[in-house]
Structure formats: C-alpha cells, structure tokens
Amino acid sequence: MTQAPVPAPLHLGPPERPVFAVLHATAQPPRAQLLLCPPILNEHARSYRLFSVLARHLAAQGIAVLRFDYYGTGDSGGDDDAFTLGSACDDAMLASAHLADVAGSVPAFVMGVRAGGLVAIETASRTRASGGLVLWQPIADWTDYLRETGALDARQRAAIPAGHAISKDTLMGFALSKDFHAHTAGMATWPGDGHVGRTIVIGDDAAPVGVGATTIPAPPSLTRWTGQAEMGTFPNTQIRDVAAALAGAMGVV
C-alpha cells in the first residue's frame, strides 16, 4: 500500500459563496472515487477527525476522496442559518463535479454520514453514481433523530448557568434557517427501491438493512461518538480496518 499525497485544501464555487473542501488524492491513478457528505449540526464537528482519518486510509487504498463542508457550516462561507438541505445538495453536486474532473472515469461513490445520508442519496440519484451509495450510521427515522437531538439540546441548555442568554432559534448551538423544520418534515435517509446501484451500510447492529445492501459492522469505538462527549483513545486501528473493508466492498482490492 503506497503512501498517499498530503491532503489538499481548496475552495469550490464563486468567491462570494465559497465551499471549503479537502482532496485526499491517491499516489497512483485512482481505482475509485468517493464524495463524503458530512453530518450536520453538532455531529459535523464531533466527527471531523474521524472522517479525515478514514479518508486518508481510503486514499492509501487507491480511492480518491473529497470531503467538503456545506455552505453555512464548517470552514465554508455563510452564516449558520444559510444552511439548508437543498443548498447542501447543490454543494454536493459542485463537489462531485470537481472530484470527477480530478479522478476521471473510475467508479464514483457517494457517502453520507448520519443526516448527510439525505444529501448523499439525492446526489447519487442526480449523478447516477456509477459505483453506488455508502451510508455511515444512517438515520432511519428523521422524526426520531430530531427528537433525540432536541432532547440533547435541552440537556445542554439546562447545564448552562443562569443569566447566560441562549437563542430559542438554535439547535445544539447552531442557528437554523427559517425553513429547516418544514423542509425536513417526513424525511427518511434510507433509500427506496428506486435507488440505482449498490448500497453499502456501515454501522452497528441497529443500522437498517435494505434489500441487497452490503453491511460492514463497525465497533463501538467508531459508532458511539453520536451520543458521547469524547471518543476516548482515538481508534486509528479500527478506522483503518473499516477503510479496508469498505475498499473491498467497493471492489477496490
């Protein structure tokens, strides 16, 4: 396994609406490409290091990976409330086009982490991703996800000392667009029967399994981050192992 080049940060889109991205290129011509759609709200920052390391291991396996931050999140431009799921899908299409220019005609996969699965499914459908779809700990029930996130938000608010003002129009510290809840009502991240191509699911035993989906189990050290403040000792070895399993499921050996 050849050492991949150092990840290259870049900005996509026009200067007035920059979308930050990081390209994990391969040492040799890539055998596949993967666009990584991150989770949202607090889960984005919480998982940043995890998926940065995963991308590095995938690049070493011969898979060109592009990570990016939706506009209004992370290191991209825009305020928090500029983020919408619709604009996130447009950002993913922009990133997908750039990755295709870099990687060429090799099989294209779109990966969504948690709520990023919504973006990944839409992007894979629009681009008709030739490789398929990858879902990391997909959210099967959007209503449950919002309820659990709201409960976590309430616990965090209760722990803040009296006298500190907190906006009611935020969720886990992030300002929401005025249409956020309306746009997400009734959504689910599991792809329907109409999805074209293979689906690979990474997660624990509770992850939903669709007809014909390939499942890759992940140890608790890689799945418990959604409900814990810290991951403890960083699970680099487990990430490497999951990356190898994913490369195999993608047909890159």
Protein backbone atom coordinates (compact mmCIF):
# COMPACT_ATOMS: atom_id res chain seq x y z
CA MET A 1 0.00 0.00 0.00
CA THR A 2 1.58 3.26 -1.21
CA GLN A 3 1.58 6.41 0.90
CA ALA A 4 -0.98 8.88 -0.45
CA PRO A 5 -0.09 12.56 -1.04
CA VAL A 6 -0.76 15.14 1.65
CA PRO A 7 -4.46 16.18 1.63
CA ALA A 8 -5.01 19.38 -0.35
CA PRO A 9 -7.47 22.04 0.89
CA LEU A 10 -9.35 24.07 -1.72
CA HIS A 11 -12.40 26.28 -2.23
CA LEU A 12 -15.13 25.44 -4.72
CA GLY A 13 -17.67 27.76 -6.26
CA PRO A 14 -17.62 31.54 -6.74
CA PRO A 15 -15.68 33.79 -4.32
CA GLU A 16 -18.91 35.19 -2.90
CA ARG A 17 -20.12 31.69 -1.98
CA PRO A 18 -17.05 29.57 -1.18
CA VAL A 19 -17.43 25.88 -0.31
CA PHE A 20 -14.41 24.53 1.54
CA ALA A 21 -13.19 21.08 0.56
CA VAL A 22 -10.22 18.78 1.12
CA LEU A 23 -8.99 16.41 -1.58
CA HIS A 24 -7.36 13.16 -0.48
CA ALA A 25 -5.59 12.15 -3.69
CA THR A 26 -4.02 8.77 -4.38
CA ALA A 27 -0.34 8.08 -5.06
CA GLN A 28 -1.18 6.17 -8.24
CA PRO A 29 -4.09 6.70 -10.66
CA PRO A 30 -7.23 6.14 -8.57
CA ARG A 31 -9.28 2.99 -8.87
CA ALA A 32 -12.41 4.61 -7.47
CA GLN A 33 -13.64 7.97 -6.17
CA LEU A 34 -15.73 8.77 -3.12
CA LEU A 35 -17.52 12.00 -2.23
CA LEU A 36 -18.01 12.30 1.53
CA CYS A 37 -21.13 14.19 2.65
CA PRO A 38 -20.71 15.03 6.35
CA PRO A 39 -23.32 15.03 9.11
CA ILE A 40 -24.93 18.26 10.28
CA LEU A 41 -25.18 20.43 13.40
CA ASN A 42 -23.01 19.29 16.33
CA GLU A 43 -22.24 15.93 14.71
CA HIS A 44 -20.23 17.62 11.97
CA ALA A 45 -17.55 19.00 14.28
CA ARG A 46 -17.67 15.95 16.56
CA SER A 47 -16.83 13.57 13.71
CA TYR A 48 -14.39 15.73 11.74
CA ARG A 49 -11.22 13.94 12.83
CA LEU A 50 -12.81 10.50 12.41
CA PHE A 51 -13.66 11.00 8.75
CA SER A 52 -10.47 12.86 7.98
CA VAL A 53 -8.54 9.78 9.07
CA LEU A 54 -10.94 7.46 7.22
CA ALA A 55 -10.37 9.46 4.01
CA ARG A 56 -6.61 9.18 4.46
CA HIS A 57 -6.81 5.39 4.79
CA LEU A 58 -9.12 5.14 1.77
CA ALA A 59 -6.71 7.20 -0.32
CA ALA A 60 -3.95 4.78 0.63
CA GLN A 61 -6.22 2.01 -0.72
CA GLY A 62 -6.41 3.74 -4.12
CA ILE A 63 -9.68 5.65 -3.59
CA ALA A 64 -9.66 9.41 -4.26
CA VAL A 65 -11.78 11.08 -1.58
CA LEU A 66 -13.21 14.58 -1.47
CA ARG A 67 -14.52 15.90 1.86
CA PHE A 68 -16.35 19.21 1.99
CA ASP A 69 -18.30 21.50 4.32
CA TYR A 70 -21.79 22.57 3.31
CA TYR A 71 -22.21 26.31 2.78
CA GLY A 72 -23.05 27.82 6.16
CA THR A 73 -21.11 25.12 8.04
CA GLY A 74 -17.52 24.35 9.00
CA ASP A 75 -14.90 26.31 7.05
CA SER A 76 -17.21 27.19 4.15
CA GLY A 77 -18.64 30.68 3.79
CA GLY A 78 -22.01 31.80 5.08
CA ASP A 79 -23.67 32.04 8.47
CA ASP A 80 -25.24 29.05 10.21
CA ASP A 81 -28.74 29.90 9.00
CA ALA A 82 -27.54 29.90 5.37
CA PHE A 83 -27.51 26.09 5.55
CA THR A 84 -30.46 24.26 4.05
CA LEU A 85 -30.72 20.68 2.84
CA GLY A 86 -31.48 21.99 -0.64
CA SER A 87 -28.33 24.12 -0.77
CA ALA A 88 -26.35 21.24 0.76
CA CYS A 89 -27.35 19.04 -2.18
CA ASP A 90 -26.23 21.79 -4.58
CA ASP A 91 -22.90 21.96 -2.73
CA ALA A 92 -22.53 18.19 -3.06
CA MET A 93 -23.15 18.39 -6.80
CA LEU A 94 -20.45 21.07 -7.07
CA ALA A 95 -18.03 18.89 -5.11
CA SER A 96 -18.96 15.80 -7.12
CA ALA A 97 -18.16 17.56 -10.39
CA HIS A 98 -14.76 18.65 -9.09
CA LEU A 99 -13.93 15.15 -7.89
CA ALA A 100 -14.92 13.67 -11.25
CA ASP A 101 -12.60 16.13 -13.01
CA VAL A 102 -9.74 15.02 -10.76
CA ALA A 103 -10.40 11.28 -10.62
CA GLY A 104 -11.67 10.69 -14.13
CA SER A 105 -13.97 7.88 -15.19
CA VAL A 106 -13.32 5.46 -12.33
CA PRO A 107 -16.38 4.17 -10.38
CA ALA A 108 -17.98 7.00 -8.39
CA PHE A 109 -19.42 6.51 -4.91
CA VAL A 110 -21.26 8.98 -2.71
CA MET A 111 -21.04 8.53 1.06
CA GLY A 112 -23.35 10.14 3.59
CA VAL A 113 -22.71 10.22 7.33
CA ARG A 114 -25.81 10.25 9.56
CA ALA A 115 -28.06 13.11 8.32
CA GLY A 116 -25.61 13.57 5.45
CA GLY A 117 -27.25 10.44 4.07
CA LEU A 118 -30.09 12.65 2.86
CA VAL A 119 -27.62 14.66 0.80
CA ALA A 120 -25.78 11.56 -0.41
CA ILE A 121 -28.96 9.84 -1.59
CA GLU A 122 -30.06 12.90 -3.54
CA THR A 123 -26.59 13.39 -5.01
CA ALA A 124 -26.25 9.74 -6.00
CA SER A 125 -29.64 9.96 -7.69
CA ARG A 126 -28.78 13.16 -9.58
CA THR A 127 -25.36 11.97 -10.71
CA ARG A 128 -26.42 8.32 -11.13
CA ALA A 129 -23.25 7.41 -9.23
CA SER A 130 -21.63 4.60 -11.19
CA GLY A 131 -20.24 2.91 -8.07
CA GLY A 132 -23.06 3.27 -5.59
CA LEU A 133 -24.06 4.71 -2.26
CA VAL A 134 -22.36 4.39 1.12
CA LEU A 135 -24.25 5.23 4.33
CA TRP A 136 -22.46 5.54 7.67
CA GLN A 137 -24.83 5.04 10.62
CA PRO A 138 -27.80 6.14 8.53
CA ILE A 139 -30.80 7.72 10.21
CA ALA A 140 -33.80 5.50 9.55
CA ASP A 141 -36.35 7.84 11.13
CA TRP A 142 -35.84 11.59 10.75
CA THR A 143 -38.50 12.38 13.35
CA ASP A 144 -36.67 10.30 15.94
CA TYR A 145 -33.39 11.98 15.01
CA LEU A 146 -34.83 15.46 15.55
CA ARG A 147 -36.47 14.34 18.80
CA GLU A 148 -33.20 12.91 20.15
CA THR A 149 -31.24 15.97 19.04
CA GLY A 150 -33.83 18.22 20.67
CA ALA A 151 -33.58 16.26 23.93
CA LEU A 152 -29.78 16.57 23.87
CA ASP A 153 -30.14 20.29 23.20
CA ALA A 154 -32.47 20.63 26.21
CA ARG A 155 -29.97 18.85 28.47
CA GLN A 156 -27.18 21.12 27.29
CA ARG A 157 -29.31 24.22 27.90
CA ALA A 158 -30.19 23.03 31.41
CA ALA A 159 -26.50 22.77 32.27
CA ILE A 160 -25.76 26.39 31.33
CA PRO A 161 -25.55 28.75 34.33
CA ALA A 162 -28.45 31.11 34.86
CA GLY A 163 -28.04 34.53 33.33
CA HIS A 164 -26.50 33.34 30.08
CA ALA A 165 -28.76 34.22 27.17
CA ILE A 166 -29.38 31.45 24.62
CA SER A 167 -31.39 31.98 21.48
CA LYS A 168 -34.51 29.85 21.17
CA ASP A 169 -33.94 29.67 17.41
CA THR A 170 -30.88 27.44 17.68
CA LEU A 171 -30.36 23.70 17.88
CA MET A 172 -27.20 22.40 19.56
CA GLY A 173 -25.80 25.92 19.32
CA PHE A 174 -26.47 26.34 15.60
CA ALA A 175 -28.86 28.87 14.12
CA LEU A 176 -31.41 27.20 11.86
CA SER A 177 -32.82 28.52 8.62
CA LYS A 178 -36.48 29.52 8.93
CA ASP A 179 -37.50 26.63 6.67
CA PHE A 180 -35.35 23.95 8.34
CA HIS A 181 -38.14 22.02 10.06
CA ALA A 182 -40.56 22.44 7.17
CA HIS A 183 -38.04 21.05 4.70
CA THR A 184 -37.15 18.06 6.88
CA ALA A 185 -40.68 17.03 7.87
CA GLY A 186 -41.35 13.41 6.93
CA MET A 187 -37.85 12.75 5.63
CA ALA A 188 -36.02 9.45 5.99
CA THR A 189 -32.45 8.66 5.00
CA TRP A 190 -32.92 5.07 3.93
CA PRO A 191 -33.04 4.86 0.10
CA GLY A 192 -36.13 3.45 -1.51
CA ASP A 193 -36.30 0.63 -4.04
CA GLY A 194 -35.77 3.11 -6.87
CA HIS A 195 -32.14 3.78 -5.96
CA VAL A 196 -29.78 2.81 -8.75
CA GLY A 197 -26.59 0.96 -7.86
CA ARG A 198 -25.29 -0.84 -4.83
CA THR A 199 -25.73 0.35 -1.27
CA ILE A 200 -23.13 -0.21 1.44
CA VAL A 201 -24.13 0.39 5.06
CA ILE A 202 -21.57 0.94 7.83
CA GLY A 203 -22.69 0.91 11.45
CA ASP A 204 -23.65 -1.17 14.42
CA ASP A 205 -26.24 -3.93 14.67
CA ALA A 206 -29.01 -1.34 14.90
CA ALA A 207 -28.33 0.06 11.44
CA PRO A 208 -31.19 -0.55 8.98
CA VAL A 209 -30.53 -3.06 6.24
CA GLY A 210 -32.17 -2.70 2.87
CA VAL A 211 -32.72 -5.38 0.27
CA GLY A 212 -29.43 -6.21 -1.39
CA ALA A 213 -27.40 -3.86 0.80
CA THR A 214 -23.87 -4.79 1.82
CA THR A 215 -23.29 -4.26 5.52
CA ILE A 216 -19.99 -3.51 7.23
CA PRO A 217 -20.13 -3.70 11.04
CA ALA A 218 -18.23 -1.03 12.95
CA PRO A 219 -17.04 -1.42 16.55
CA PRO A 220 -18.48 0.79 19.31
CA SER A 221 -15.33 2.92 19.21
CA LEU A 222 -16.48 4.13 15.76
CA THR A 223 -20.21 4.46 16.42
CA ARG A 224 -20.63 5.81 19.95
CA TRP A 225 -19.45 9.32 19.02
CA THR A 226 -23.04 10.34 18.27
CA GLY A 227 -24.01 10.18 21.93
CA GLN A 228 -20.81 10.85 23.83
CA ALA A 229 -18.81 13.96 24.56
CA GLU A 230 -15.48 12.29 23.84
CA MET A 231 -14.34 9.25 21.86
CA GLY A 232 -11.63 8.39 24.37
CA THR A 233 -8.44 6.99 22.82
CA PHE A 234 -8.63 7.75 19.11
CA PRO A 235 -9.45 4.46 17.30
CA ASN A 236 -6.98 4.72 14.41
CA THR A 237 -6.57 0.94 14.02
CA GLN A 238 -10.32 0.37 13.85
CA ILE A 239 -10.70 3.14 11.27
CA ARG A 240 -8.01 1.53 9.13
CA ASP A 241 -9.78 -1.83 9.34
CA VAL A 242 -13.15 -0.37 8.36
CA ALA A 243 -11.49 1.52 5.48
CA ALA A 244 -10.03 -1.76 4.22
CA ALA A 245 -13.44 -3.46 4.48
CA LEU A 246 -15.09 -0.57 2.65
CA ALA A 247 -12.47 -0.66 -0.10
CA GLY A 248 -13.19 -4.36 -0.52
CA ALA A 249 -16.95 -3.78 -0.68
CA MET A 250 -16.36 -1.09 -3.31
CA GLY A 251 -14.38 -3.58 -5.38
CA VAL A 252 -11.04 -1.87 -4.83
CA VAL A 253 -8.56 -4.56 -3.87
